[in-house]
Amino acid sequence: MKALTRPARLAPGARVAVVAPSGPVVEERLAAGLDILRGWDLEPVVAPHVLDRHPEFSYLAGTDADRAADFQAAWCDPDVAAVLCARGGYGVQRMVDLLDWDAIRAAGPKVLLGFSDITALHEAFAGRAGLATLHGPMVAAVDFVKNARAQEHLRATLFEPETVRVIESGGDAAPLVPGRASGVLLGGCLSMLAADLGTPHVRTSARGGLLCLEDVGEETYRLDRVLTQLLRAGWLDGVSGILLGSWARCSPYERVRTLLTDRLGGLGVPVVEEFGFGHGEGALTIPFGVRAELDADAGTLTLEEPALT
């Protein structure tokens, strides 16, 4: 697996677009997130339909066409240095096929930030545009607006990426399978990766990659089902190593850990748990598309290059 093209770091005064490609956004949280961005000397611009609600499906932030148009306009605006997702939820799969990928490629590399449902965009940008992206906290997410650790790690990644070449879990990580492994970072929300199988956007496999997995609000049997689907599809064949993030509301965690060990332990590659990315408090920002080395025993991830140029 090859490393992808990295976008440029942000500079003070940079214009950043905030979009809502998935679920509806809480206005108060959006306002709080925008204040944080302004405190970093960024100029956030909110896309026209960010606070919309779909007329029929309340779990969507506006219509598919409007969400796609917001994203397309933001990405293709030459004055925009980054496109930041307001929140996840569900909806990217409904709008991603409406994007003009020729125009996106022509607009050149820029920062894309998000996680959870944004997993489908991470995969699409990797496969259709060859661009590295940031799996990290979103502008209107409560875990970002109320957590200093998440804010600082994202800020450093955006402005001073050379200072976060070594990403540490914070002491909670532990090896399910010990060892070291190198590869290109990829992944995201487990259930979204499984749901993307067979679409034009997902990669054929994670071969040669360091796969990051997390999820939220899933019963253990459902996690079993989607992990088994990825295994049966051969998508995990040749993976170099696996980092496991948060499993919020997938309780009890002891049962989840047993499942993860059962399904992933036989792959013969290092696996580390509780690495600190995803839906948990203080979530770390992980650059997808960048080559790195995982030390499962030490709980560290060392980037071969900074996340951004």
C-alpha atoms as a PDB file:
ATOM      1  CA  MET A   1       0.000   0.000   0.000  1.00  0.00           C
ATOM      2  CA  LYS A   2       1.410   3.360  -1.068  1.00  0.00           C
ATOM      3  CA  ALA A   3       1.404   6.520   1.012  1.00  0.00           C
ATOM      4  CA  LEU A   4      -0.990   9.176  -0.304  1.00  0.00           C
ATOM      5  CA  THR A   5      -0.485  12.827  -1.213  1.00  0.00           C
ATOM      6  CA  ARG A   6      -0.417  14.972   1.920  1.00  0.00           C
ATOM      7  CA  PRO A   7      -2.065  18.402   1.961  1.00  0.00           C
ATOM      8  CA  ALA A   8      -0.362  21.511   3.313  1.00  0.00           C
ATOM      9  CA  ARG A   9      -0.497  22.512   6.967  1.00  0.00           C
ATOM     10  CA  LEU A  10      -2.684  25.434   7.963  1.00  0.00           C
ATOM     11  CA  ALA A  11      -1.347  28.911   8.631  1.00  0.00           C
ATOM     12  CA  PRO A  12      -2.860  31.635  10.820  1.00  0.00           C
ATOM     13  CA  GLY A  13      -5.641  33.373   8.940  1.00  0.00           C
ATOM     14  CA  ALA A  14      -6.469  30.335   6.801  1.00  0.00           C
ATOM     15  CA  ARG A  15     -10.035  30.054   5.551  1.00  0.00           C
ATOM     16  CA  VAL A  16     -11.687  26.761   6.509  1.00  0.00           C
ATOM     17  CA  ALA A  17     -15.106  25.517   5.420  1.00  0.00           C
ATOM     18  CA  VAL A  18     -17.442  23.724   7.821  1.00  0.00           C
ATOM     19  CA  VAL A  19     -19.827  21.238   6.185  1.00  0.00           C
ATOM     20  CA  ALA A  20     -22.431  18.724   7.368  1.00  0.00           C
ATOM     21  CA  PRO A  21     -22.353  15.704   5.027  1.00  0.00           C
ATOM     22  CA  SER A  22     -24.097  13.398   7.505  1.00  0.00           C
ATOM     23  CA  GLY A  23     -26.409  13.999  10.460  1.00  0.00           C
ATOM     24  CA  PRO A  24     -28.112  17.149  11.764  1.00  0.00           C
ATOM     25  CA  VAL A  25     -26.005  19.659  13.680  1.00  0.00           C
ATOM     26  CA  VAL A  26     -26.739  21.171  17.098  1.00  0.00           C
ATOM     27  CA  GLU A  27     -26.454  24.927  16.621  1.00  0.00           C
ATOM     28  CA  GLU A  28     -25.038  25.628  20.082  1.00  0.00           C
ATOM     29  CA  ARG A  29     -22.248  23.074  19.652  1.00  0.00           C
ATOM     30  CA  LEU A  30     -21.467  24.440  16.212  1.00  0.00           C
ATOM     31  CA  ALA A  31     -21.135  27.935  17.679  1.00  0.00           C
ATOM     32  CA  ALA A  32     -18.779  26.630  20.378  1.00  0.00           C
ATOM     33  CA  GLY A  33     -16.642  24.823  17.814  1.00  0.00           C
ATOM     34  CA  LEU A  34     -16.461  27.880  15.586  1.00  0.00           C
ATOM     35  CA  ASP A  35     -15.249  29.922  18.549  1.00  0.00           C
ATOM     36  CA  ILE A  36     -12.413  27.431  19.071  1.00  0.00           C
ATOM     37  CA  LEU A  37     -11.399  27.708  15.419  1.00  0.00           C
ATOM     38  CA  ARG A  38     -11.449  31.492  15.604  1.00  0.00           C
ATOM     39  CA  GLY A  39      -9.300  31.268  18.723  1.00  0.00           C
ATOM     40  CA  TRP A  40      -6.730  29.453  16.557  1.00  0.00           C
ATOM     41  CA  ASP A  41      -6.750  32.462  14.202  1.00  0.00           C
ATOM     42  CA  LEU A  42      -8.650  30.573  11.522  1.00  0.00           C
ATOM     43  CA  GLU A  43     -11.470  32.014   9.442  1.00  0.00           C
ATOM     44  CA  PRO A  44     -14.317  29.464   9.510  1.00  0.00           C
ATOM     45  CA  VAL A  45     -16.993  29.705   6.824  1.00  0.00           C
ATOM     46  CA  VAL A  46     -20.175  27.725   7.439  1.00  0.00           C
ATOM     47  CA  ALA A  47     -21.670  26.067   4.353  1.00  0.00           C
ATOM     48  CA  PRO A  48     -25.236  27.182   3.499  1.00  0.00           C
ATOM     49  CA  HIS A  49     -27.027  23.955   4.481  1.00  0.00           C
ATOM     50  CA  VAL A  50     -25.133  22.984   7.658  1.00  0.00           C
ATOM     51  CA  LEU A  51     -28.128  23.639   9.936  1.00  0.00           C
ATOM     52  CA  ASP A  52     -30.709  22.110   7.584  1.00  0.00           C
ATOM     53  CA  ARG A  53     -32.932  19.150   8.429  1.00  0.00           C
ATOM     54  CA  HIS A  54     -34.152  16.668   5.840  1.00  0.00           C
ATOM     55  CA  PRO A  55     -37.922  17.099   5.337  1.00  0.00           C
ATOM     56  CA  GLU A  56     -38.612  13.360   5.704  1.00  0.00           C
ATOM     57  CA  PHE A  57     -35.609  11.788   7.444  1.00  0.00           C
ATOM     58  CA  SER A  58     -34.681  13.609  10.630  1.00  0.00           C
ATOM     59  CA  TYR A  59     -31.343  11.778  10.882  1.00  0.00           C
ATOM     60  CA  LEU A  60     -29.999  13.687   7.853  1.00  0.00           C
ATOM     61  CA  ALA A  61     -28.676  17.265   7.749  1.00  0.00           C
ATOM     62  CA  GLY A  62     -30.701  18.350   4.736  1.00  0.00           C
ATOM     63  CA  THR A  63     -31.199  16.682   1.381  1.00  0.00           C
ATOM     64  CA  ASP A  64     -28.537  14.556  -0.274  1.00  0.00           C
ATOM     65  CA  ALA A  65     -28.200  17.070  -3.111  1.00  0.00           C
ATOM     66  CA  ASP A  66     -27.721  20.015  -0.755  1.00  0.00           C
ATOM     67  CA  ARG A  67     -25.181  18.217   1.439  1.00  0.00           C
ATOM     68  CA  ALA A  68     -23.212  17.160  -1.644  1.00  0.00           C
ATOM     69  CA  ALA A  69     -23.401  20.669  -3.129  1.00  0.00           C
ATOM     70  CA  ASP A  70     -22.084  22.186   0.106  1.00  0.00           C
ATOM     71  CA  PHE A  71     -19.165  19.770   0.165  1.00  0.00           C
ATOM     72  CA  GLN A  72     -18.377  20.212  -3.525  1.00  0.00           C
ATOM     73  CA  ALA A  73     -18.449  24.004  -3.329  1.00  0.00           C
ATOM     74  CA  ALA A  74     -16.255  24.051  -0.228  1.00  0.00           C
ATOM     75  CA  TRP A  75     -13.656  21.701  -1.682  1.00  0.00           C
ATOM     76  CA  CYS A  76     -13.480  23.489  -5.023  1.00  0.00           C
ATOM     77  CA  ASP A  77     -13.223  26.980  -3.498  1.00  0.00           C
ATOM     78  CA  PRO A  78      -9.598  28.014  -4.124  1.00  0.00           C
ATOM     79  CA  ASP A  79      -9.658  30.228  -1.022  1.00  0.00           C
ATOM     80  CA  VAL A  80     -10.497  27.296   1.291  1.00  0.00           C
ATOM     81  CA  ALA A  81      -7.520  25.487   2.845  1.00  0.00           C
ATOM     82  CA  ALA A  82      -9.475  22.836   4.760  1.00  0.00           C
ATOM     83  CA  VAL A  83     -12.901  21.218   4.799  1.00  0.00           C
ATOM     84  CA  LEU A  84     -13.953  20.345   8.334  1.00  0.00           C
ATOM     85  CA  CYS A  85     -16.970  18.157   9.026  1.00  0.00           C
ATOM     86  CA  ALA A  86     -19.367  19.402  11.682  1.00  0.00           C
ATOM     87  CA  ARG A  87     -20.424  15.936  12.865  1.00  0.00           C
ATOM     88  CA  GLY A  88     -20.970  12.326  11.825  1.00  0.00           C
ATOM     89  CA  GLY A  89     -24.121  10.274  12.287  1.00  0.00           C
ATOM     90  CA  TYR A  90     -25.268   8.882   8.955  1.00  0.00           C
ATOM     91  CA  GLY A  91     -25.586  10.224   5.426  1.00  0.00           C
ATOM     92  CA  VAL A  92     -22.252  10.254   3.588  1.00  0.00           C
ATOM     93  CA  GLN A  93     -23.109   7.076   1.689  1.00  0.00           C
ATOM     94  CA  ARG A  94     -26.192   8.825   0.288  1.00  0.00           C
ATOM     95  CA  MET A  95     -24.265  11.858  -1.019  1.00  0.00           C
ATOM     96  CA  VAL A  96     -20.771  10.630  -1.918  1.00  0.00           C
ATOM     97  CA  ASP A  97     -21.811   9.394  -5.374  1.00  0.00           C
ATOM     98  CA  LEU A  98     -23.141  12.874  -6.171  1.00  0.00           C
ATOM     99  CA  LEU A  99     -19.676  14.428  -5.899  1.00  0.00           C
ATOM    100  CA  ASP A 100     -17.740  15.389  -9.032  1.00  0.00           C
ATOM    101  CA  TRP A 101     -14.461  13.575  -8.472  1.00  0.00           C
ATOM    102  CA  ASP A 102     -12.808  15.075 -11.543  1.00  0.00           C
ATOM    103  CA  ALA A 103     -13.413  18.536 -10.084  1.00  0.00           C
ATOM    104  CA  ILE A 104     -12.261  17.419  -6.640  1.00  0.00           C
ATOM    105  CA  ARG A 105      -8.998  16.081  -8.046  1.00  0.00           C
ATOM    106  CA  ALA A 106      -8.508  19.252 -10.069  1.00  0.00           C
ATOM    107  CA  ALA A 107      -8.984  21.423  -6.963  1.00  0.00           C
ATOM    108  CA  GLY A 108      -5.800  19.942  -5.512  1.00  0.00           C
ATOM    109  CA  PRO A 109      -4.999  18.623  -2.041  1.00  0.00           C
ATOM    110  CA  LYS A 110      -6.410  20.266   1.057  1.00  0.00           C
ATOM    111  CA  VAL A 111      -7.218  19.124   4.571  1.00  0.00           C
ATOM    112  CA  LEU A 112     -10.283  16.926   5.151  1.00  0.00           C
ATOM    113  CA  LEU A 113     -11.193  16.301   8.800  1.00  0.00           C
ATOM    114  CA  GLY A 114     -13.785  14.010  10.360  1.00  0.00           C
ATOM    115  CA  PHE A 115     -14.498  10.535  11.706  1.00  0.00           C
ATOM    116  CA  SER A 116     -17.362   8.098  12.357  1.00  0.00           C
ATOM    117  CA  ASP A 117     -19.667   8.317   9.301  1.00  0.00           C
ATOM    118  CA  ILE A 118     -16.951  10.364   7.573  1.00  0.00           C
ATOM    119  CA  THR A 119     -15.121   7.028   7.184  1.00  0.00           C
ATOM    120  CA  ALA A 120     -16.855   6.716   3.810  1.00  0.00           C
ATOM    121  CA  LEU A 121     -15.276  10.011   2.708  1.00  0.00           C
ATOM    122  CA  HIS A 122     -11.837   8.931   3.954  1.00  0.00           C
ATOM    123  CA  GLU A 123     -12.075   5.834   1.776  1.00  0.00           C
ATOM    124  CA  ALA A 124     -13.428   7.774  -1.188  1.00  0.00           C
ATOM    125  CA  PHE A 125     -10.668  10.383  -1.027  1.00  0.00           C
ATOM    126  CA  ALA A 126      -8.030   7.666  -0.750  1.00  0.00           C
ATOM    127  CA  GLY A 127      -9.379   5.674  -3.676  1.00  0.00           C
ATOM    128  CA  ARG A 128     -10.706   8.397  -5.971  1.00  0.00           C
ATOM    129  CA  ALA A 129      -8.331  11.303  -5.262  1.00  0.00           C
ATOM    130  CA  GLY A 130      -5.223   9.688  -3.757  1.00  0.00           C
ATOM    131  CA  LEU A 131      -5.261  12.146  -0.850  1.00  0.00           C
ATOM    132  CA  ALA A 132      -4.308  11.719   2.789  1.00  0.00           C
ATOM    133  CA  THR A 133      -6.984  12.816   5.279  1.00  0.00           C
ATOM    134  CA  LEU A 134      -7.311  13.408   9.017  1.00  0.00           C
ATOM    135  CA  HIS A 135      -9.367  11.082  11.218  1.00  0.00           C
ATOM    136  CA  GLY A 136     -10.095  13.409  14.092  1.00  0.00           C
ATOM    137  CA  PRO A 137     -12.636  15.334  16.180  1.00  0.00           C
ATOM    138  CA  MET A 138     -15.331  17.347  14.425  1.00  0.00           C
ATOM    139  CA  VAL A 139     -16.279  20.977  14.857  1.00  0.00           C
ATOM    140  CA  ALA A 140     -19.726  20.526  16.423  1.00  0.00           C
ATOM    141  CA  ALA A 141     -19.019  17.329  18.379  1.00  0.00           C
ATOM    142  CA  VAL A 142     -19.317  17.462  22.152  1.00  0.00           C
ATOM    143  CA  ASP A 143     -16.094  15.467  22.611  1.00  0.00           C
ATOM    144  CA  PHE A 144     -14.244  18.250  20.792  1.00  0.00           C
ATOM    145  CA  VAL A 145     -15.824  21.419  22.155  1.00  0.00           C
ATOM    146  CA  LYS A 146     -15.467  20.241  25.769  1.00  0.00           C
ATOM    147  CA  ASN A 147     -12.109  18.458  25.705  1.00  0.00           C
ATOM    148  CA  ALA A 148      -8.774  20.274  25.802  1.00  0.00           C
ATOM    149  CA  ARG A 149      -6.735  17.192  24.841  1.00  0.00           C
ATOM    150  CA  ALA A 150      -8.688  16.655  21.633  1.00  0.00           C
ATOM    151  CA  GLN A 151      -8.430  20.342  20.787  1.00  0.00           C
ATOM    152  CA  GLU A 152      -4.689  20.585  21.383  1.00  0.00           C
ATOM    153  CA  HIS A 153      -3.771  17.427  19.467  1.00  0.00           C
ATOM    154  CA  LEU A 154      -5.821  18.565  16.486  1.00  0.00           C
ATOM    155  CA  ARG A 155      -4.406  22.105  16.642  1.00  0.00           C
ATOM    156  CA  ALA A 156      -0.830  20.790  16.711  1.00  0.00           C
ATOM    157  CA  THR A 157      -1.545  18.439  13.804  1.00  0.00           C
ATOM    158  CA  LEU A 158      -3.009  21.249  11.717  1.00  0.00           C
ATOM    159  CA  PHE A 159      -0.403  23.939  12.423  1.00  0.00           C
ATOM    160  CA  GLU A 160       2.742  22.175  13.693  1.00  0.00           C
ATOM    161  CA  PRO A 161       2.555  18.599  12.360  1.00  0.00           C
ATOM    162  CA  GLU A 162       6.253  17.947  12.948  1.00  0.00           C
ATOM    163  CA  THR A 163       5.576  18.173  16.719  1.00  0.00           C
ATOM    164  CA  VAL A 164       3.261  15.141  16.619  1.00  0.00           C
ATOM    165  CA  ARG A 165       5.386  12.684  14.651  1.00  0.00           C
ATOM    166  CA  VAL A 166       5.039  10.292  17.612  1.00  0.00           C
ATOM    167  CA  ILE A 167       1.424   9.698  18.645  1.00  0.00           C
ATOM    168  CA  GLU A 168       1.049   8.221  22.119  1.00  0.00           C
ATOM    169  CA  SER A 169      -2.138   6.742  23.479  1.00  0.00           C
ATOM    170  CA  GLY A 170      -1.695   8.417  26.837  1.00  0.00           C
ATOM    171  CA  GLY A 171      -0.939   5.256  28.791  1.00  0.00           C
ATOM    172  CA  ASP A 172      -4.192   3.329  28.275  1.00  0.00           C
ATOM    173  CA  ALA A 173      -3.066   1.268  25.292  1.00  0.00           C
ATOM    174  CA  ALA A 174      -2.174  -2.388  25.740  1.00  0.00           C
ATOM    175  CA  PRO A 175      -1.170  -5.071  23.240  1.00  0.00           C
ATOM    176  CA  LEU A 176      -3.739  -7.725  22.430  1.00  0.00           C
ATOM    177  CA  VAL A 177      -1.013  -9.148  20.208  1.00  0.00           C
ATOM    178  CA  PRO A 178       2.483  -7.746  20.883  1.00  0.00           C
ATOM    179  CA  GLY A 179       5.016  -6.626  18.299  1.00  0.00           C
ATOM    180  CA  ARG A 180       5.933  -3.931  15.794  1.00  0.00           C
ATOM    181  CA  ALA A 181       4.534  -3.289  12.346  1.00  0.00           C
ATOM    182  CA  SER A 182       4.838  -0.689   9.586  1.00  0.00           C
ATOM    183  CA  GLY A 183       2.357   0.392   6.976  1.00  0.00           C
ATOM    184  CA  VAL A 184       0.087   3.127   5.656  1.00  0.00           C
ATOM    185  CA  LEU A 185      -2.623   4.244   8.070  1.00  0.00           C
ATOM    186  CA  LEU A 186      -6.252   3.697   7.074  1.00  0.00           C
ATOM    187  CA  GLY A 187      -9.585   2.678   8.550  1.00  0.00           C
ATOM    188  CA  GLY A 188     -12.188   4.370  10.715  1.00  0.00           C
ATOM    189  CA  CYS A 189     -15.595   3.212  11.911  1.00  0.00           C
ATOM    190  CA  LEU A 190     -15.783  -0.578  11.682  1.00  0.00           C
ATOM    191  CA  SER A 191     -19.454  -0.800  10.696  1.00  0.00           C
ATOM    192  CA  MET A 192     -18.976   1.863   7.996  1.00  0.00           C
ATOM    193  CA  LEU A 193     -16.010   0.013   6.479  1.00  0.00           C
ATOM    194  CA  ALA A 194     -18.115  -3.135   6.278  1.00  0.00           C
ATOM    195  CA  ALA A 195     -21.065  -1.212   4.802  1.00  0.00           C
ATOM    196  CA  ASP A 196     -18.771   0.219   2.099  1.00  0.00           C
ATOM    197  CA  LEU A 197     -17.696  -3.201   0.794  1.00  0.00           C
ATOM    198  CA  GLY A 198     -18.564  -3.594  -2.860  1.00  0.00           C
ATOM    199  CA  THR A 199     -18.926   0.137  -3.551  1.00  0.00           C
ATOM    200  CA  PRO A 200     -16.734   2.047  -6.027  1.00  0.00           C
ATOM    201  CA  HIS A 201     -15.007   3.929  -3.205  1.00  0.00           C
ATOM    202  CA  VAL A 202     -13.649   1.341  -0.794  1.00  0.00           C
ATOM    203  CA  ARG A 203     -10.251  -0.260  -1.311  1.00  0.00           C
ATOM    204  CA  THR A 204     -10.151  -3.921  -2.264  1.00  0.00           C
ATOM    205  CA  SER A 205      -8.220  -4.740   0.923  1.00  0.00           C
ATOM    206  CA  ALA A 206      -6.186  -3.331   3.801  1.00  0.00           C
ATOM    207  CA  ARG A 207      -3.093  -5.231   2.599  1.00  0.00           C
ATOM    208  CA  GLY A 208       0.113  -3.518   3.733  1.00  0.00           C
ATOM    209  CA  GLY A 209      -1.755  -1.085   5.953  1.00  0.00           C
ATOM    210  CA  LEU A 210      -1.969  -0.192   9.615  1.00  0.00           C
ATOM    211  CA  LEU A 211      -5.700  -0.506  10.138  1.00  0.00           C
ATOM    212  CA  CYS A 212      -7.444   1.739  12.695  1.00  0.00           C
ATOM    213  CA  LEU A 213     -10.816   0.459  13.930  1.00  0.00           C
ATOM    214  CA  GLU A 214     -13.407   1.877  16.322  1.00  0.00           C
ATOM    215  CA  ASP A 215     -17.187   2.023  16.638  1.00  0.00           C
ATOM    216  CA  VAL A 216     -20.009   3.312  18.804  1.00  0.00           C
ATOM    217  CA  GLY A 217     -23.297   1.986  20.154  1.00  0.00           C
ATOM    218  CA  GLU A 218     -23.061  -1.535  18.719  1.00  0.00           C
ATOM    219  CA  GLU A 219     -23.973  -4.812  20.395  1.00  0.00           C
ATOM    220  CA  THR A 220     -21.184  -7.376  20.546  1.00  0.00           C
ATOM    221  CA  TYR A 221     -22.909  -9.694  18.069  1.00  0.00           C
ATOM    222  CA  ARG A 222     -23.131  -6.854  15.552  1.00  0.00           C
ATOM    223  CA  LEU A 223     -19.420  -6.141  15.897  1.00  0.00           C
ATOM    224  CA  ASP A 224     -18.858  -9.875  15.429  1.00  0.00           C
ATOM    225  CA  ARG A 225     -20.960  -9.810  12.273  1.00  0.00           C
ATOM    226  CA  VAL A 226     -19.141  -6.925  10.583  1.00  0.00           C
ATOM    227  CA  LEU A 227     -15.679  -8.163  11.595  1.00  0.00           C
ATOM    228  CA  THR A 228     -16.552 -11.593  10.237  1.00  0.00           C
ATOM    229  CA  GLN A 229     -17.827  -9.982   7.027  1.00  0.00           C
ATOM    230  CA  LEU A 230     -14.495  -8.186   6.522  1.00  0.00           C
ATOM    231  CA  LEU A 231     -12.625 -11.419   7.223  1.00  0.00           C
ATOM    232  CA  ARG A 232     -14.762 -13.498   4.853  1.00  0.00           C
ATOM    233  CA  ALA A 233     -14.438 -10.860   2.120  1.00  0.00           C
ATOM    234  CA  GLY A 234     -10.645 -11.070   2.390  1.00  0.00           C
ATOM    235  CA  TRP A 235     -10.464  -7.375   3.218  1.00  0.00           C
ATOM    236  CA  LEU A 236      -8.111  -8.008   6.159  1.00  0.00           C
ATOM    237  CA  ASP A 237      -5.774 -10.284   4.201  1.00  0.00           C
ATOM    238  CA  GLY A 238      -2.209  -9.001   4.406  1.00  0.00           C
ATOM    239  CA  VAL A 239      -2.895  -6.225   6.906  1.00  0.00           C
ATOM    240  CA  SER A 240       0.338  -5.219   8.699  1.00  0.00           C
ATOM    241  CA  GLY A 241      -1.061  -4.266  12.093  1.00  0.00           C
ATOM    242  CA  ILE A 242      -4.232  -3.104  13.826  1.00  0.00           C
ATOM    243  CA  LEU A 243      -4.943  -0.188  16.162  1.00  0.00           C
ATOM    244  CA  LEU A 244      -8.179  -0.302  18.142  1.00  0.00           C
ATOM    245  CA  GLY A 245      -9.731   2.932  19.338  1.00  0.00           C
ATOM    246  CA  SER A 246     -12.856   3.629  21.378  1.00  0.00           C
ATOM    247  CA  TRP A 247     -15.868   1.344  21.621  1.00  0.00           C
ATOM    248  CA  ALA A 248     -18.232   3.808  23.300  1.00  0.00           C
ATOM    249  CA  ARG A 249     -21.567   2.324  24.323  1.00  0.00           C
ATOM    250  CA  CYS A 250     -20.452  -1.082  22.989  1.00  0.00           C
ATOM    251  CA  SER A 251     -20.499  -2.404  26.551  1.00  0.00           C
ATOM    252  CA  PRO A 252     -19.501  -4.448  28.359  1.00  0.00           C
ATOM    253  CA  TYR A 253     -16.001  -3.748  27.075  1.00  0.00           C
ATOM    254  CA  GLU A 254     -14.584  -7.002  28.469  1.00  0.00           C
ATOM    255  CA  ARG A 255     -16.887  -8.860  26.115  1.00  0.00           C
ATOM    256  CA  VAL A 256     -15.867  -6.617  23.211  1.00  0.00           C
ATOM    257  CA  ARG A 257     -12.192  -7.228  24.001  1.00  0.00           C
ATOM    258  CA  THR A 258     -12.784 -10.986  23.969  1.00  0.00           C
ATOM    259  CA  LEU A 259     -14.461 -10.674  20.566  1.00  0.00           C
ATOM    260  CA  LEU A 260     -11.685  -8.507  19.117  1.00  0.00           C
ATOM    261  CA  THR A 261      -9.077 -10.985  20.319  1.00  0.00           C
ATOM    262  CA  ASP A 262     -11.048 -13.885  18.870  1.00  0.00           C
ATOM    263  CA  ARG A 263     -11.592 -12.305  15.450  1.00  0.00           C
ATOM    264  CA  LEU A 264      -8.278 -10.445  15.025  1.00  0.00           C
ATOM    265  CA  GLY A 265      -5.785 -12.405  17.106  1.00  0.00           C
ATOM    266  CA  GLY A 266      -5.396 -15.103  14.482  1.00  0.00           C
ATOM    267  CA  LEU A 267      -4.178 -12.710  11.793  1.00  0.00           C
ATOM    268  CA  GLY A 268      -0.626 -12.996  13.117  1.00  0.00           C
ATOM    269  CA  VAL A 269      -0.015  -9.229  13.268  1.00  0.00           C
ATOM    270  CA  PRO A 270       0.394  -6.782  16.174  1.00  0.00           C
ATOM    271  CA  VAL A 271      -2.898  -5.543  17.633  1.00  0.00           C
ATOM    272  CA  VAL A 272      -3.112  -2.744  20.200  1.00  0.00           C
ATOM    273  CA  GLU A 273      -6.256  -1.766  22.108  1.00  0.00           C
ATOM    274  CA  GLU A 274      -7.481   1.532  23.593  1.00  0.00           C
ATOM    275  CA  PHE A 275      -5.265   3.700  21.443  1.00  0.00           C
ATOM    276  CA  GLY A 276      -7.292   6.843  22.090  1.00  0.00           C
ATOM    277  CA  PHE A 277      -8.976   7.732  18.775  1.00  0.00           C
ATOM    278  CA  GLY A 278     -12.646   7.636  17.857  1.00  0.00           C
ATOM    279  CA  HIS A 279     -15.753   8.433  19.885  1.00  0.00           C
ATOM    280  CA  GLY A 280     -14.058   8.676  23.292  1.00  0.00           C
ATOM    281  CA  GLU A 281     -13.133  11.815  25.190  1.00  0.00           C
ATOM    282  CA  GLY A 282      -9.844  13.437  24.223  1.00  0.00           C
ATOM    283  CA  ALA A 283      -9.765  11.661  20.867  1.00  0.00           C
ATOM    284  CA  LEU A 284      -6.447  11.817  19.031  1.00  0.00           C
ATOM    285  CA  THR A 285      -6.114  12.911  15.406  1.00  0.00           C
ATOM    286  CA  ILE A 286      -4.754  10.144  13.157  1.00  0.00           C
ATOM    287  CA  PRO A 287      -3.526  10.922   9.623  1.00  0.00           C
ATOM    288  CA  PHE A 288      -4.838   8.365   7.140  1.00  0.00           C
ATOM    289  CA  GLY A 289      -2.677   7.791   4.080  1.00  0.00           C
ATOM    290  CA  VAL A 290       0.606   8.412   5.932  1.00  0.00           C
ATOM    291  CA  ARG A 291       3.158   5.645   6.503  1.00  0.00           C
ATOM    292  CA  ALA A 292       3.911   4.877  10.152  1.00  0.00           C
ATOM    293  CA  GLU A 293       5.333   2.299  12.556  1.00  0.00           C
ATOM    294  CA  LEU A 294       3.249   0.808  15.335  1.00  0.00           C
ATOM    295  CA  ASP A 295       4.850  -0.424  18.558  1.00  0.00           C
ATOM    296  CA  ALA A 296       2.011  -2.329  20.193  1.00  0.00           C
ATOM    297  CA  ASP A 297       3.974  -2.983  23.383  1.00  0.00           C
ATOM    298  CA  ALA A 298       4.882   0.677  23.937  1.00  0.00           C
ATOM    299  CA  GLY A 299       1.531   2.000  22.691  1.00  0.00           C
ATOM    300  CA  THR A 300       3.128   4.387  20.200  1.00  0.00           C
ATOM    301  CA  LEU A 301       2.629   5.261  16.569  1.00  0.00           C
ATOM    302  CA  THR A 302       5.580   6.919  14.829  1.00  0.00           C
ATOM    303  CA  LEU A 303       4.829   8.726  11.574  1.00  0.00           C
ATOM    304  CA  GLU A 304       7.389   8.398   8.808  1.00  0.00           C
ATOM    305  CA  GLU A 305       6.511  11.961   7.736  1.00  0.00           C
ATOM    306  CA  PRO A 306       4.433  14.699   9.368  1.00  0.00           C
ATOM    307  CA  ALA A 307       0.707  14.437   8.733  1.00  0.00           C
ATOM    308  CA  LEU A 308       0.750  17.614   6.640  1.00  0.00           C
ATOM    309  CA  THR A 309       3.488  19.168   4.516  1.00  0.00           C
END
